[in-house]
Amino acid sequence: MTNRYNLPSGFVNLCNAPRTPMPHRYSVTELLKPRWMVNLMRANPRLLDGDVSDQVLMILGTAVHKVLEEHTSEGFAERKIERVVGEDTLVGVIDLYNPDTYTIEDYKVTTTRHTGTDEWRLQGLMYAWLLRPEYVDRLRFHAILRDWTYHHDGPAVWTWEYKVMADDMAYIEAYIKTWLSNTEPCTPSERWNDGDTWWLYKDGNVRATHQCASDTVAPKGYHVVYRVGVDKRCERWCPVASVCKAKRERL
């Protein structure tokens, strides 16, 4: 990992801490990514290297978790739990579990636009599944908003809460087992594909008049243009897209 801006050793050492994945051992956060993508990341660790400055947000999140762990007085903070699933092992580190209120608490350093996502729900339910047979009644995610200003309504820490339902454990167990057994390339939704579209153009114009249905018959003086959906994750947000055989085959 490079250090183009000559940041102090604390930044460098934290970013270079060994993180060698073990076969058949997966973290909860890995299960939030597509299985195909995780396999490629494990097989090509050098592609994950960047500059120390790129990891500032990761360092900020680590620092917040460390400080809050040291000052937590209730429940079990930073509790590591493992469970064997067939030939694999799922590992999770829960920020806080309060047995008095049966609540899992999790801390996020994020922005005002990324709060209360389905990904948080999946993560919390996997923690609840790992905690069994201990009962979990609800999940609470505390979002520390790094872009908060006095112009925003509400506090700089926003809490999103989810009530665990009776059928959630069966749902998340099926999700875990499906993920662990999956060998297929990423699905369109996992690639963040925005979908194929059709657009009506007036002959000679460079801008579309409007989007239209796939079976639209263009009137005289117009024509229909088909646009292939864009895999947004592959284009900008996948660190192993350059070695992805499935992406090359789609081109």
Protein backbone atom coordinates (compact mmCIF):
# COMPACT_ATOMS: atom_id res chain seq x y z
CA MET A 1 0.00 0.00 0.00
CA THR A 2 1.34 3.39 -1.00
CA ASN A 3 1.56 6.52 1.15
CA ARG A 4 1.57 9.35 -1.39
CA TYR A 5 0.82 12.06 1.16
CA ASN A 6 3.40 10.94 3.73
CA LEU A 7 0.85 10.30 6.47
CA PRO A 8 2.16 9.33 9.94
CA SER A 9 3.07 5.74 10.80
CA GLY A 10 -0.16 5.23 12.76
CA PHE A 11 -2.15 5.49 9.53
CA VAL A 12 0.25 3.25 7.64
CA ASN A 13 0.49 0.53 10.28
CA LEU A 14 -3.26 0.32 10.71
CA CYS A 15 -3.83 0.01 6.98
CA ASN A 16 -1.09 -2.62 6.64
CA ALA A 17 -2.33 -4.79 9.49
CA PRO A 18 -2.51 -8.40 8.23
CA ARG A 19 -5.97 -9.47 7.13
CA THR A 20 -5.40 -12.86 5.54
CA PRO A 21 -8.73 -14.63 5.00
CA MET A 22 -9.00 -18.27 5.99
CA PRO A 23 -10.66 -20.80 3.67
CA HIS A 24 -14.25 -21.67 4.58
CA ARG A 25 -14.31 -18.91 7.19
CA TYR A 26 -16.41 -15.86 6.38
CA SER A 27 -17.34 -12.68 8.19
CA VAL A 28 -20.83 -11.22 8.41
CA THR A 29 -19.68 -8.18 6.44
CA GLU A 30 -18.45 -10.44 3.63
CA LEU A 31 -21.93 -11.94 3.36
CA LEU A 32 -23.25 -8.46 2.60
CA LYS A 33 -21.30 -8.54 -0.68
CA PRO A 34 -21.94 -10.86 -3.63
CA ARG A 35 -20.28 -14.28 -3.19
CA TRP A 36 -18.63 -14.07 -6.62
CA MET A 37 -17.07 -10.72 -5.70
CA VAL A 38 -15.79 -12.02 -2.34
CA ASN A 39 -14.18 -15.03 -4.02
CA LEU A 40 -12.30 -12.75 -6.42
CA MET A 41 -11.25 -10.41 -3.61
CA ARG A 42 -9.81 -13.35 -1.67
CA ALA A 43 -8.00 -14.67 -4.74
CA ASN A 44 -6.59 -11.27 -5.74
CA PRO A 45 -5.62 -9.42 -2.53
CA ARG A 46 -3.15 -7.13 -4.32
CA LEU A 47 -6.01 -5.52 -6.21
CA LEU A 48 -7.37 -4.29 -2.88
CA ASP A 49 -4.24 -2.29 -2.15
CA GLY A 50 -4.46 1.43 -2.74
CA ASP A 51 -3.14 4.47 -0.94
CA VAL A 52 -3.28 5.01 2.80
CA SER A 53 -5.33 8.16 2.22
CA ASP A 54 -8.07 6.02 0.63
CA GLN A 55 -8.59 4.29 3.97
CA VAL A 56 -9.33 7.39 6.08
CA LEU A 57 -13.03 6.58 6.43
CA MET A 58 -12.18 3.03 7.54
CA ILE A 59 -9.78 4.45 10.13
CA LEU A 60 -12.46 6.88 11.34
CA GLY A 61 -14.93 4.03 11.79
CA THR A 62 -12.35 1.94 13.68
CA ALA A 63 -11.56 4.85 16.00
CA VAL A 64 -15.24 5.47 16.79
CA HIS A 65 -15.82 1.80 17.60
CA LYS A 66 -12.75 1.69 19.84
CA VAL A 67 -13.73 4.76 21.87
CA LEU A 68 -17.34 3.64 22.31
CA GLU A 69 -16.26 0.13 23.31
CA GLU A 70 -14.02 1.53 26.06
CA HIS A 71 -16.83 3.67 27.49
CA THR A 72 -19.73 1.21 27.27
CA SER A 73 -21.06 0.17 30.68
CA GLU A 74 -23.98 -2.13 29.82
CA GLY A 75 -24.19 -5.46 28.03
CA PHE A 76 -21.39 -7.08 26.04
CA ALA A 77 -19.30 -4.82 23.81
CA GLU A 78 -17.37 -6.06 20.75
CA ARG A 79 -18.54 -9.61 21.29
CA LYS A 80 -17.12 -12.09 18.77
CA ILE A 81 -19.36 -15.02 17.88
CA GLU A 82 -18.81 -17.95 15.52
CA ARG A 83 -21.13 -20.63 14.19
CA VAL A 84 -20.40 -23.60 11.95
CA VAL A 85 -22.61 -23.87 8.87
CA GLY A 86 -21.87 -27.12 7.05
CA GLU A 87 -18.21 -26.96 5.96
CA ASP A 88 -18.03 -23.22 6.61
CA THR A 89 -17.86 -20.95 9.64
CA LEU A 90 -19.64 -17.61 9.95
CA VAL A 91 -17.96 -15.05 12.19
CA GLY A 92 -19.43 -11.81 13.52
CA VAL A 93 -18.32 -9.12 15.97
CA ILE A 94 -21.30 -7.44 17.60
CA ASP A 95 -20.72 -3.86 18.72
CA LEU A 96 -23.05 -4.24 21.71
CA TYR A 97 -25.63 -6.72 22.95
CA ASN A 98 -27.76 -5.68 25.90
CA PRO A 99 -29.35 -8.77 27.52
CA ASP A 100 -31.60 -6.60 29.68
CA THR A 101 -33.39 -5.14 26.68
CA TYR A 102 -32.60 -7.99 24.23
CA THR A 103 -31.17 -5.42 21.85
CA ILE A 104 -28.26 -5.54 19.41
CA GLU A 105 -26.67 -2.12 18.99
CA ASP A 106 -24.40 -1.24 16.07
CA TYR A 107 -22.43 1.90 15.28
CA LYS A 108 -22.05 3.33 11.79
CA VAL A 109 -19.99 6.26 10.58
CA THR A 110 -21.86 7.31 7.46
CA THR A 111 -23.54 10.20 5.66
CA THR A 112 -26.99 11.73 5.84
CA ARG A 113 -27.92 9.95 2.59
CA HIS A 114 -27.01 6.42 3.72
CA THR A 115 -29.08 5.55 6.78
CA GLY A 116 -31.47 2.72 7.56
CA THR A 117 -30.58 0.52 4.60
CA ASP A 118 -31.65 -3.08 3.94
CA GLU A 119 -27.97 -4.00 4.27
CA TRP A 120 -28.09 -2.91 7.93
CA ARG A 121 -31.12 -5.13 8.51
CA LEU A 122 -29.34 -8.14 6.98
CA GLN A 123 -26.25 -7.50 9.09
CA GLY A 124 -28.27 -7.18 12.29
CA LEU A 125 -30.29 -10.31 11.57
CA MET A 126 -27.10 -12.30 10.98
CA TYR A 127 -25.84 -11.13 14.37
CA ALA A 128 -29.14 -12.18 15.95
CA TRP A 129 -28.88 -15.59 14.25
CA LEU A 130 -25.33 -16.02 15.56
CA LEU A 131 -26.45 -15.13 19.09
CA ARG A 132 -29.05 -17.89 19.25
CA PRO A 133 -30.34 -19.29 21.55
CA GLU A 134 -30.12 -15.86 23.19
CA TYR A 135 -33.24 -13.88 22.37
CA VAL A 136 -33.02 -10.69 20.31
CA ASP A 137 -36.05 -8.41 20.24
CA ARG A 138 -34.75 -5.51 18.20
CA LEU A 139 -31.81 -4.08 16.25
CA ARG A 140 -30.64 -0.51 16.76
CA PHE A 141 -28.15 1.15 14.43
CA HIS A 142 -26.62 4.44 15.51
CA ALA A 143 -25.46 6.43 12.51
CA ILE A 144 -22.78 9.02 13.26
CA LEU A 145 -23.22 11.45 10.39
CA ARG A 146 -19.85 12.67 9.22
CA ASP A 147 -21.39 15.25 6.85
CA TRP A 148 -23.80 16.67 9.44
CA THR A 149 -23.99 20.46 9.76
CA TYR A 150 -26.25 22.85 11.63
CA HIS A 151 -28.27 23.18 8.43
CA HIS A 152 -29.56 19.61 8.87
CA ASP A 153 -32.61 18.82 10.95
CA GLY A 154 -32.04 16.59 13.95
CA PRO A 155 -28.89 15.51 15.81
CA ALA A 156 -25.53 14.43 14.41
CA VAL A 157 -26.27 10.87 15.57
CA TRP A 158 -29.33 9.29 13.99
CA THR A 159 -30.80 5.99 15.25
CA TRP A 160 -32.54 3.46 13.02
CA GLU A 161 -34.46 0.68 14.75
CA TYR A 162 -35.83 -2.63 13.51
CA LYS A 163 -38.18 -4.95 15.38
CA VAL A 164 -37.13 -8.59 14.86
CA MET A 165 -40.12 -10.55 13.55
CA ALA A 166 -41.04 -14.19 14.19
CA ASP A 167 -40.03 -15.39 10.72
CA ASP A 168 -36.80 -13.37 10.45
CA MET A 169 -34.56 -16.16 11.76
CA ALA A 170 -35.79 -18.63 9.13
CA TYR A 171 -35.32 -15.97 6.46
CA ILE A 172 -31.77 -15.06 7.47
CA GLU A 173 -30.72 -18.70 7.89
CA ALA A 174 -31.86 -19.38 4.33
CA TYR A 175 -29.96 -16.27 3.17
CA ILE A 176 -26.74 -17.45 4.88
CA LYS A 177 -26.93 -21.00 3.52
CA THR A 178 -27.77 -19.77 0.01
CA TRP A 179 -24.83 -17.35 0.05
CA LEU A 180 -22.36 -19.98 1.27
CA SER A 181 -23.43 -22.51 -1.37
CA ASN A 182 -23.56 -20.04 -4.27
CA THR A 183 -21.05 -20.46 -7.11
CA GLU A 184 -22.75 -18.30 -9.74
CA PRO A 185 -21.62 -14.87 -11.02
CA CYS A 186 -23.26 -11.75 -9.66
CA THR A 187 -26.92 -11.22 -10.51
CA PRO A 188 -28.09 -7.99 -12.20
CA SER A 189 -29.26 -6.63 -8.82
CA GLU A 190 -25.88 -7.46 -7.25
CA ARG A 191 -24.20 -5.65 -10.15
CA TRP A 192 -26.51 -2.66 -9.49
CA ASN A 193 -27.74 -2.89 -13.07
CA ASP A 194 -30.07 0.02 -13.83
CA GLY A 195 -32.06 -1.98 -16.39
CA ASP A 196 -32.42 -1.91 -20.15
CA THR A 197 -34.41 1.04 -21.52
CA TRP A 198 -35.94 2.23 -24.77
CA TRP A 199 -36.03 5.88 -25.85
CA LEU A 200 -37.97 7.72 -28.53
CA TYR A 201 -35.91 10.11 -30.63
CA LYS A 202 -37.00 12.58 -33.25
CA ASP A 203 -34.98 12.04 -36.39
CA GLY A 204 -31.96 14.34 -36.39
CA ASN A 205 -32.13 15.11 -32.63
CA VAL A 206 -29.35 14.10 -30.26
CA ARG A 207 -31.62 14.17 -27.20
CA ALA A 208 -34.45 11.74 -26.61
CA THR A 209 -38.01 12.98 -26.57
CA HIS A 210 -38.89 10.58 -23.75
CA GLN A 211 -38.45 7.04 -22.49
CA CYS A 212 -40.83 4.54 -24.03
CA ALA A 213 -41.94 0.90 -23.80
CA SER A 214 -39.99 -1.87 -25.50
CA ASP A 215 -42.80 -2.55 -27.98
CA THR A 216 -43.24 1.08 -29.02
CA VAL A 217 -43.72 1.61 -32.76
CA ALA A 218 -42.05 4.89 -33.67
CA PRO A 219 -44.31 7.31 -35.57
CA LYS A 220 -43.15 8.87 -38.81
CA GLY A 221 -40.12 11.08 -38.28
CA TYR A 222 -39.08 9.27 -35.08
CA HIS A 223 -37.05 6.21 -34.16
CA VAL A 224 -36.57 4.09 -31.04
CA VAL A 225 -33.12 3.59 -29.48
CA TYR A 226 -32.36 0.68 -27.15
CA ARG A 227 -29.95 1.30 -24.28
CA VAL A 228 -28.33 -1.61 -22.47
CA GLY A 229 -28.50 -1.38 -18.68
CA VAL A 230 -25.29 -0.29 -16.94
CA ASP A 231 -23.72 -2.43 -14.21
CA LYS A 232 -22.91 0.47 -11.90
CA ARG A 233 -21.14 -1.60 -9.25
CA CYS A 234 -18.86 -3.16 -11.88
CA GLU A 235 -18.09 0.21 -13.43
CA ARG A 236 -17.07 2.08 -10.29
CA TRP A 237 -17.44 0.14 -7.05
CA CYS A 238 -15.95 -3.33 -7.58
CA PRO A 239 -12.21 -3.59 -6.82
CA VAL A 240 -11.87 -6.86 -8.74
CA ALA A 241 -13.82 -6.00 -11.90
CA SER A 242 -10.59 -6.09 -13.93
CA VAL A 243 -10.16 -9.83 -13.28
CA CYS A 244 -13.83 -10.81 -13.47
CA LYS A 245 -14.39 -13.46 -16.13
CA ALA A 246 -18.16 -13.00 -15.95
CA LYS A 247 -17.82 -9.29 -16.79
CA ARG A 248 -15.60 -10.03 -19.80
CA GLU A 249 -18.10 -12.57 -21.06
CA ARG A 250 -20.91 -10.00 -20.91
CA LEU A 251 -19.00 -7.49 -23.03
